[in-house]
N, C-alpha and C. Protein backbone atom coordinates (compact mmCIF):
# COMPACT_ATOMS: atom_id res chain seq x y z
N UNK A 1 9.28 7.97 -24.50
CA UNK A 1 9.32 6.51 -23.72
C UNK A 1 7.95 6.63 -22.76
N UNK A 2 7.32 5.62 -22.71
CA UNK A 2 6.23 5.32 -21.83
C UNK A 2 6.34 4.90 -20.41
N UNK A 3 6.41 5.69 -19.60
CA UNK A 3 6.90 5.34 -18.20
C UNK A 3 6.07 4.10 -17.64
N UNK A 4 4.84 4.17 -17.78
CA UNK A 4 3.83 3.21 -17.23
C UNK A 4 4.32 1.92 -17.80
N UNK A 5 4.80 1.82 -18.88
CA UNK A 5 5.21 0.54 -19.53
C UNK A 5 6.33 -0.13 -18.83
N UNK A 6 7.19 0.71 -18.26
CA UNK A 6 8.58 0.34 -17.74
C UNK A 6 8.31 0.11 -16.21
N UNK A 7 7.10 0.02 -15.67
CA UNK A 7 6.77 -0.21 -14.33
C UNK A 7 7.01 -1.68 -14.15
N UNK A 8 7.38 -2.15 -12.80
CA UNK A 8 7.20 -3.56 -12.45
C UNK A 8 6.30 -3.70 -11.29
N UNK A 9 5.95 -4.90 -11.04
CA UNK A 9 4.99 -5.21 -9.84
C UNK A 9 5.87 -6.13 -9.12
N UNK A 10 6.23 -5.92 -7.81
CA UNK A 10 6.81 -6.84 -6.96
C UNK A 10 5.83 -7.19 -5.80
N UNK A 11 5.50 -8.51 -5.79
CA UNK A 11 4.51 -8.97 -5.05
C UNK A 11 5.19 -9.06 -3.50
N UNK A 12 4.43 -8.53 -2.44
CA UNK A 12 4.92 -8.66 -1.19
C UNK A 12 4.03 -9.55 -0.25
N UNK A 13 2.90 -9.98 -0.63
CA UNK A 13 2.15 -10.91 0.10
C UNK A 13 0.95 -11.60 -0.84
N UNK A 14 0.80 -12.69 -0.56
CA UNK A 14 -0.26 -13.46 -1.33
C UNK A 14 -1.16 -14.49 -0.33
N UNK A 15 -2.43 -14.54 -0.50
CA UNK A 15 -3.29 -15.33 0.39
C UNK A 15 -4.12 -16.17 -0.77
N UNK A 16 -5.11 -16.90 -0.12
CA UNK A 16 -6.00 -17.68 -1.00
C UNK A 16 -6.94 -16.75 -1.74
N UNK A 17 -7.18 -15.47 -1.23
CA UNK A 17 -8.02 -14.47 -1.91
C UNK A 17 -7.62 -13.12 -2.16
N UNK A 18 -6.27 -12.97 -1.97
CA UNK A 18 -5.87 -11.53 -2.04
C UNK A 18 -4.38 -11.62 -2.34
N UNK A 19 -3.89 -10.50 -2.81
CA UNK A 19 -2.40 -10.24 -3.11
C UNK A 19 -2.07 -8.68 -3.09
N UNK A 20 -0.76 -8.53 -2.64
CA UNK A 20 -0.36 -7.03 -2.52
C UNK A 20 0.81 -7.03 -3.24
N UNK A 21 1.04 -5.84 -3.93
CA UNK A 21 2.29 -5.55 -5.01
C UNK A 21 2.73 -4.07 -4.51
N UNK A 22 3.84 -3.88 -4.83
CA UNK A 22 4.66 -2.55 -4.78
C UNK A 22 4.73 -2.30 -6.16
N UNK A 23 4.33 -1.11 -6.68
CA UNK A 23 4.63 -0.84 -8.02
C UNK A 23 5.90 0.08 -8.08
N UNK A 24 6.85 -0.66 -8.94
CA UNK A 24 8.41 0.11 -8.84
C UNK A 24 8.75 0.55 -10.04
N UNK A 25 9.38 1.77 -9.97
CA UNK A 25 9.98 2.48 -11.17
C UNK A 25 11.46 2.44 -10.73
N UNK A 26 12.15 1.67 -11.55
CA UNK A 26 13.67 1.21 -11.11
C UNK A 26 13.77 0.77 -9.70
N UNK A 27 14.39 1.40 -8.87
CA UNK A 27 14.37 0.99 -7.37
C UNK A 27 13.41 1.99 -6.47
N UNK A 28 12.53 2.68 -7.15
CA UNK A 28 11.59 3.54 -6.34
C UNK A 28 10.17 2.98 -6.30
N UNK A 29 9.57 2.66 -5.19
CA UNK A 29 8.29 2.47 -5.15
C UNK A 29 7.41 3.70 -5.31
N UNK A 30 6.52 3.61 -6.35
CA UNK A 30 5.50 4.78 -6.63
C UNK A 30 4.22 4.45 -6.29
N UNK A 31 3.85 3.37 -5.99
CA UNK A 31 2.36 2.86 -5.60
C UNK A 31 2.41 1.65 -4.90
N UNK A 32 1.29 1.22 -4.18
CA UNK A 32 1.05 0.03 -3.66
C UNK A 32 -0.25 -0.34 -4.01
N UNK A 33 -0.51 -1.80 -4.34
CA UNK A 33 -1.59 -2.27 -4.85
C UNK A 33 -2.21 -3.52 -4.06
N UNK A 34 -3.27 -3.38 -3.48
CA UNK A 34 -3.77 -4.59 -2.87
C UNK A 34 -5.16 -5.20 -3.58
N UNK A 35 -5.14 -6.43 -4.03
CA UNK A 35 -6.17 -7.06 -4.96
C UNK A 35 -6.79 -8.03 -3.81
N UNK A 36 -8.14 -7.96 -3.85
CA UNK A 36 -9.06 -9.00 -2.97
C UNK A 36 -9.92 -9.53 -4.10
N UNK A 37 -9.95 -10.85 -4.18
CA UNK A 37 -10.76 -11.57 -5.18
C UNK A 37 -12.17 -12.05 -4.40
N UNK A 38 -13.30 -11.76 -4.90
CA UNK A 38 -14.36 -12.09 -4.23
C UNK A 38 -15.13 -13.12 -5.36
N UNK A 39 -16.22 -13.60 -5.06
CA UNK A 39 -16.95 -14.45 -6.00
C UNK A 39 -17.28 -13.69 -7.34
N UNK A 40 -17.42 -12.46 -7.40
CA UNK A 40 -17.94 -11.78 -8.60
C UNK A 40 -17.04 -10.95 -9.11
N UNK A 41 -16.43 -10.16 -8.23
CA UNK A 41 -15.53 -8.86 -8.52
C UNK A 41 -14.12 -9.15 -7.98
N UNK A 42 -13.18 -8.25 -8.40
CA UNK A 42 -12.07 -8.13 -7.90
C UNK A 42 -11.77 -6.81 -7.39
N UNK A 43 -11.60 -6.42 -6.07
CA UNK A 43 -11.53 -5.03 -5.50
C UNK A 43 -10.12 -4.77 -5.42
N UNK A 44 -9.86 -3.59 -5.65
CA UNK A 44 -8.35 -3.10 -5.80
C UNK A 44 -8.30 -1.78 -5.05
N UNK A 45 -7.24 -1.75 -4.14
CA UNK A 45 -6.92 -0.57 -3.50
C UNK A 45 -5.68 -0.12 -3.91
N UNK A 46 -5.54 1.07 -4.75
CA UNK A 46 -4.35 1.42 -5.27
C UNK A 46 -3.88 2.80 -4.37
N UNK A 47 -2.79 2.77 -3.76
CA UNK A 47 -2.15 3.85 -3.12
C UNK A 47 -1.17 4.48 -3.89
N UNK A 48 -1.26 5.77 -4.45
CA UNK A 48 -0.21 6.34 -5.17
C UNK A 48 0.74 7.08 -4.35
N UNK A 49 1.96 6.90 -4.45
CA UNK A 49 2.96 7.51 -3.62
C UNK A 49 3.66 8.78 -4.36
N UNK A 50 3.27 8.79 -5.64
CA UNK A 50 3.71 10.01 -6.29
C UNK A 50 2.68 10.41 -7.28
N UNK A 51 2.67 11.69 -7.56
CA UNK A 51 1.62 12.25 -8.41
C UNK A 51 1.59 11.74 -9.86
N UNK A 52 0.16 11.48 -10.38
CA UNK A 52 0.10 10.89 -11.82
C UNK A 52 -0.92 11.74 -12.43
N UNK A 53 -1.02 11.84 -13.68
CA UNK A 53 -1.97 12.46 -14.39
C UNK A 53 -3.21 11.42 -14.45
N UNK A 54 -4.33 11.82 -14.89
CA UNK A 54 -5.47 10.92 -15.06
C UNK A 54 -5.21 9.90 -16.12
N UNK A 55 -4.49 10.43 -17.21
CA UNK A 55 -4.11 9.45 -18.16
C UNK A 55 -3.07 8.37 -17.91
N UNK A 56 -2.16 8.80 -17.03
CA UNK A 56 -1.14 7.91 -16.46
C UNK A 56 -2.08 6.82 -15.50
N UNK A 57 -2.87 7.40 -14.63
CA UNK A 57 -3.71 6.57 -13.71
C UNK A 57 -4.41 5.52 -14.38
N UNK A 58 -4.91 5.93 -15.58
CA UNK A 58 -5.80 5.07 -16.29
C UNK A 58 -4.95 4.01 -16.94
N UNK A 59 -3.95 4.28 -17.44
CA UNK A 59 -2.92 3.23 -18.07
C UNK A 59 -2.49 2.26 -16.91
N UNK A 60 -2.24 2.85 -15.69
CA UNK A 60 -1.75 1.91 -14.57
C UNK A 60 -2.78 0.97 -14.29
N UNK A 61 -4.03 1.50 -14.23
CA UNK A 61 -5.10 0.52 -13.85
C UNK A 61 -5.14 -0.58 -14.88
N UNK A 62 -5.14 -0.21 -16.16
CA UNK A 62 -5.16 -1.12 -17.18
C UNK A 62 -3.96 -2.04 -17.17
N UNK A 63 -2.87 -1.80 -16.74
CA UNK A 63 -1.76 -2.65 -16.60
C UNK A 63 -1.99 -3.44 -15.30
N UNK A 64 -2.62 -3.04 -14.20
CA UNK A 64 -2.93 -3.90 -13.26
C UNK A 64 -3.93 -4.81 -13.46
N UNK A 65 -4.81 -4.57 -14.40
CA UNK A 65 -5.85 -5.46 -14.90
C UNK A 65 -5.21 -6.60 -15.83
N UNK A 66 -4.46 -6.23 -16.80
CA UNK A 66 -3.83 -7.04 -17.60
C UNK A 66 -2.73 -7.87 -16.99
N UNK A 67 -1.79 -7.27 -16.36
CA UNK A 67 -0.54 -8.08 -15.72
C UNK A 67 -0.85 -8.82 -14.54
N UNK A 68 -1.77 -8.36 -13.56
CA UNK A 68 -2.12 -8.98 -12.36
C UNK A 68 -3.50 -9.86 -12.17
N UNK A 69 -4.45 -9.00 -12.49
CA UNK A 69 -5.78 -9.41 -12.39
C UNK A 69 -6.13 -10.78 -13.46
N UNK A 70 -5.90 -10.40 -14.60
CA UNK A 70 -6.24 -11.35 -15.59
C UNK A 70 -5.22 -12.64 -15.73
N UNK A 71 -3.93 -12.40 -15.19
CA UNK A 71 -3.03 -13.56 -15.14
C UNK A 71 -3.37 -14.34 -13.89
N UNK A 72 -4.07 -13.82 -13.10
CA UNK A 72 -4.57 -14.75 -11.83
C UNK A 72 -5.62 -15.65 -12.10
N UNK A 73 -6.17 -15.68 -13.26
CA UNK A 73 -7.09 -16.67 -13.80
C UNK A 73 -8.23 -16.87 -12.90
N UNK A 74 -8.72 -15.90 -12.38
CA UNK A 74 -9.98 -16.01 -11.51
C UNK A 74 -11.13 -15.37 -12.33
N UNK A 75 -12.31 -15.98 -12.33
CA UNK A 75 -13.38 -15.39 -13.01
C UNK A 75 -13.86 -14.23 -12.40
N UNK A 76 -14.24 -13.06 -13.07
CA UNK A 76 -14.59 -11.92 -12.42
C UNK A 76 -15.64 -11.12 -13.54
N UNK A 77 -16.65 -10.28 -12.83
CA UNK A 77 -17.55 -9.41 -13.63
C UNK A 77 -17.05 -8.14 -13.70
N UNK A 78 -16.16 -7.69 -12.62
CA UNK A 78 -15.74 -6.36 -12.86
C UNK A 78 -14.47 -6.17 -12.02
N UNK A 79 -13.78 -5.18 -12.28
CA UNK A 79 -12.55 -4.75 -11.43
C UNK A 79 -12.85 -3.40 -10.77
N UNK A 80 -12.91 -3.34 -9.56
CA UNK A 80 -13.47 -1.94 -8.80
C UNK A 80 -12.22 -1.55 -8.10
N UNK A 81 -11.77 -0.26 -8.43
CA UNK A 81 -10.51 0.10 -7.92
C UNK A 81 -10.95 1.48 -7.12
N UNK A 82 -10.45 1.51 -5.89
CA UNK A 82 -10.25 2.76 -5.08
C UNK A 82 -8.70 3.28 -5.08
N UNK A 83 -8.82 4.55 -5.61
CA UNK A 83 -7.56 5.21 -5.58
C UNK A 83 -7.28 6.21 -4.47
N UNK A 84 -6.12 6.11 -3.84
CA UNK A 84 -5.85 7.19 -2.72
C UNK A 84 -4.23 7.55 -2.94
N UNK A 85 -4.12 8.84 -2.66
CA UNK A 85 -2.87 9.57 -2.68
C UNK A 85 -2.14 9.59 -1.30
N UNK A 86 -0.97 9.12 -1.22
CA UNK A 86 -0.56 9.19 0.22
C UNK A 86 0.96 8.71 0.23
N UNK A 87 1.53 8.67 1.35
CA UNK A 87 2.88 8.14 1.60
C UNK A 87 3.01 7.33 2.81
N UNK A 88 3.82 6.36 2.84
CA UNK A 88 4.06 5.57 3.97
C UNK A 88 4.51 6.38 5.22
N UNK A 89 3.88 6.26 6.35
CA UNK A 89 4.21 6.89 7.75
C UNK A 89 5.28 5.93 8.29
N UNK A 90 5.15 4.60 8.32
CA UNK A 90 5.98 3.68 8.99
C UNK A 90 5.45 2.25 8.72
N UNK A 91 6.18 1.43 9.29
CA UNK A 91 5.82 -0.11 9.19
C UNK A 91 5.74 -0.50 10.72
N UNK A 92 4.77 -1.14 11.01
CA UNK A 92 4.29 -1.57 12.56
C UNK A 92 4.11 -3.03 12.57
N UNK A 93 4.66 -3.44 13.73
CA UNK A 93 4.34 -4.95 14.07
C UNK A 93 4.37 -5.06 15.44
N UNK A 94 4.28 -6.37 15.87
CA UNK A 94 4.12 -6.66 17.44
C UNK A 94 5.39 -6.28 17.91
N UNK A 95 6.59 -6.33 17.23
CA UNK A 95 7.87 -5.84 17.75
C UNK A 95 7.85 -4.35 18.19
N UNK A 96 6.99 -3.48 17.41
CA UNK A 96 7.01 -2.10 17.54
C UNK A 96 6.18 -1.75 18.92
N UNK A 97 5.17 -2.58 19.04
CA UNK A 97 4.35 -2.57 20.27
C UNK A 97 5.25 -2.81 21.52
N UNK A 98 6.02 -3.90 21.53
CA UNK A 98 6.95 -4.11 22.44
C UNK A 98 8.00 -2.96 22.74
N UNK A 99 8.54 -2.50 21.81
CA UNK A 99 9.41 -1.49 21.87
C UNK A 99 8.82 -0.12 22.71
N UNK A 100 7.62 0.00 22.28
CA UNK A 100 6.97 1.32 22.83
C UNK A 100 6.70 1.03 24.22
N UNK A 101 6.37 -0.26 24.80
CA UNK A 101 6.06 -0.54 25.97
C UNK A 101 7.43 -0.26 26.76
N UNK A 102 8.41 -0.55 26.31
CA UNK A 102 9.58 -0.31 27.07
C UNK A 102 10.01 1.34 27.20
N UNK A 103 9.52 2.16 26.42
CA UNK A 103 9.68 3.44 26.35
C UNK A 103 9.00 4.20 27.36
N UNK A 104 7.88 3.71 27.70
CA UNK A 104 6.95 4.27 28.75
C UNK A 104 7.19 3.68 30.10
N UNK A 105 7.39 4.61 30.94
CA UNK A 105 7.84 4.21 32.39
C UNK A 105 6.67 3.93 33.17
N UNK A 106 6.49 3.16 34.05
CA UNK A 106 5.38 2.77 35.07
C UNK A 106 4.94 4.12 35.80
N UNK A 107 5.87 5.08 36.08
CA UNK A 107 5.54 6.40 36.79
C UNK A 107 4.91 7.35 35.88
N UNK A 108 4.85 7.06 34.52
CA UNK A 108 4.30 8.12 33.54
C UNK A 108 2.75 7.86 33.56
N UNK A 109 2.16 8.75 33.97
CA UNK A 109 0.67 8.67 34.15
C UNK A 109 0.15 9.61 33.07
N UNK A 110 0.83 10.25 32.27
CA UNK A 110 0.21 11.19 31.08
C UNK A 110 0.20 10.43 29.80
N UNK A 111 -0.97 10.13 29.43
CA UNK A 111 -1.02 9.30 27.99
C UNK A 111 -0.61 10.14 26.95
N UNK A 112 -0.75 11.75 27.03
CA UNK A 112 -0.72 12.32 25.89
C UNK A 112 1.00 12.39 25.55
N UNK A 113 1.78 12.09 26.55
CA UNK A 113 3.15 12.11 26.19
C UNK A 113 3.50 10.99 25.15
N UNK A 114 2.77 9.88 25.26
CA UNK A 114 3.06 8.84 24.19
C UNK A 114 2.81 9.29 22.87
N UNK A 115 1.75 10.09 22.53
CA UNK A 115 1.40 10.79 21.19
C UNK A 115 2.73 11.55 20.75
N UNK A 116 3.17 12.50 21.72
CA UNK A 116 4.17 13.38 21.43
C UNK A 116 5.34 12.47 21.06
N UNK A 117 5.87 11.44 21.66
CA UNK A 117 6.92 10.56 21.41
C UNK A 117 6.94 10.10 20.04
N UNK A 118 5.66 9.61 19.64
CA UNK A 118 5.14 9.09 18.32
C UNK A 118 5.45 10.15 17.29
N UNK A 119 4.96 11.33 17.68
CA UNK A 119 5.02 12.32 16.68
C UNK A 119 6.57 12.90 16.44
N UNK A 120 7.26 12.87 17.59
CA UNK A 120 8.71 13.22 17.29
C UNK A 120 9.40 12.03 16.60
N UNK A 121 9.07 10.72 16.77
CA UNK A 121 9.69 9.77 16.07
C UNK A 121 9.60 10.11 14.45
N UNK A 122 8.40 10.59 14.12
CA UNK A 122 8.04 10.94 12.73
C UNK A 122 8.43 12.06 12.17
N UNK A 123 9.21 12.98 13.19
CA UNK A 123 9.80 14.21 12.77
C UNK A 123 8.84 15.21 12.86
N UNK A 124 7.64 15.06 13.47
CA UNK A 124 6.73 16.20 13.82
C UNK A 124 6.93 16.78 15.23
N UNK A 125 6.55 18.04 15.47
CA UNK A 125 6.49 18.73 16.70
C UNK A 125 5.21 19.25 17.15
């Protein structure tokens, strides 16, 4: 069974010149893909959340090209892919910053404590 063939792409954003997808295996996200369409090229940032062999990676990039880039019907001279290995640390928004402001008291003059609170939130000491 070819696992790369059984992956699906769940779009999580789209603009006039870019798209973002989660690469899913069943209910597990294994990668994130951001595509940016320029006048000549398509630039791709691929973040792997699980290890892959070079062969699997090459097949995944082929799938991205065939299923996402070519189907976007945008002329291109090249697909340029930056690949990173990593994992999500968290999701941050304006609400996160508002919550952080409430956690810091006015009397607290030591800025280093803010970093300690953040590290503790992430399970680091």
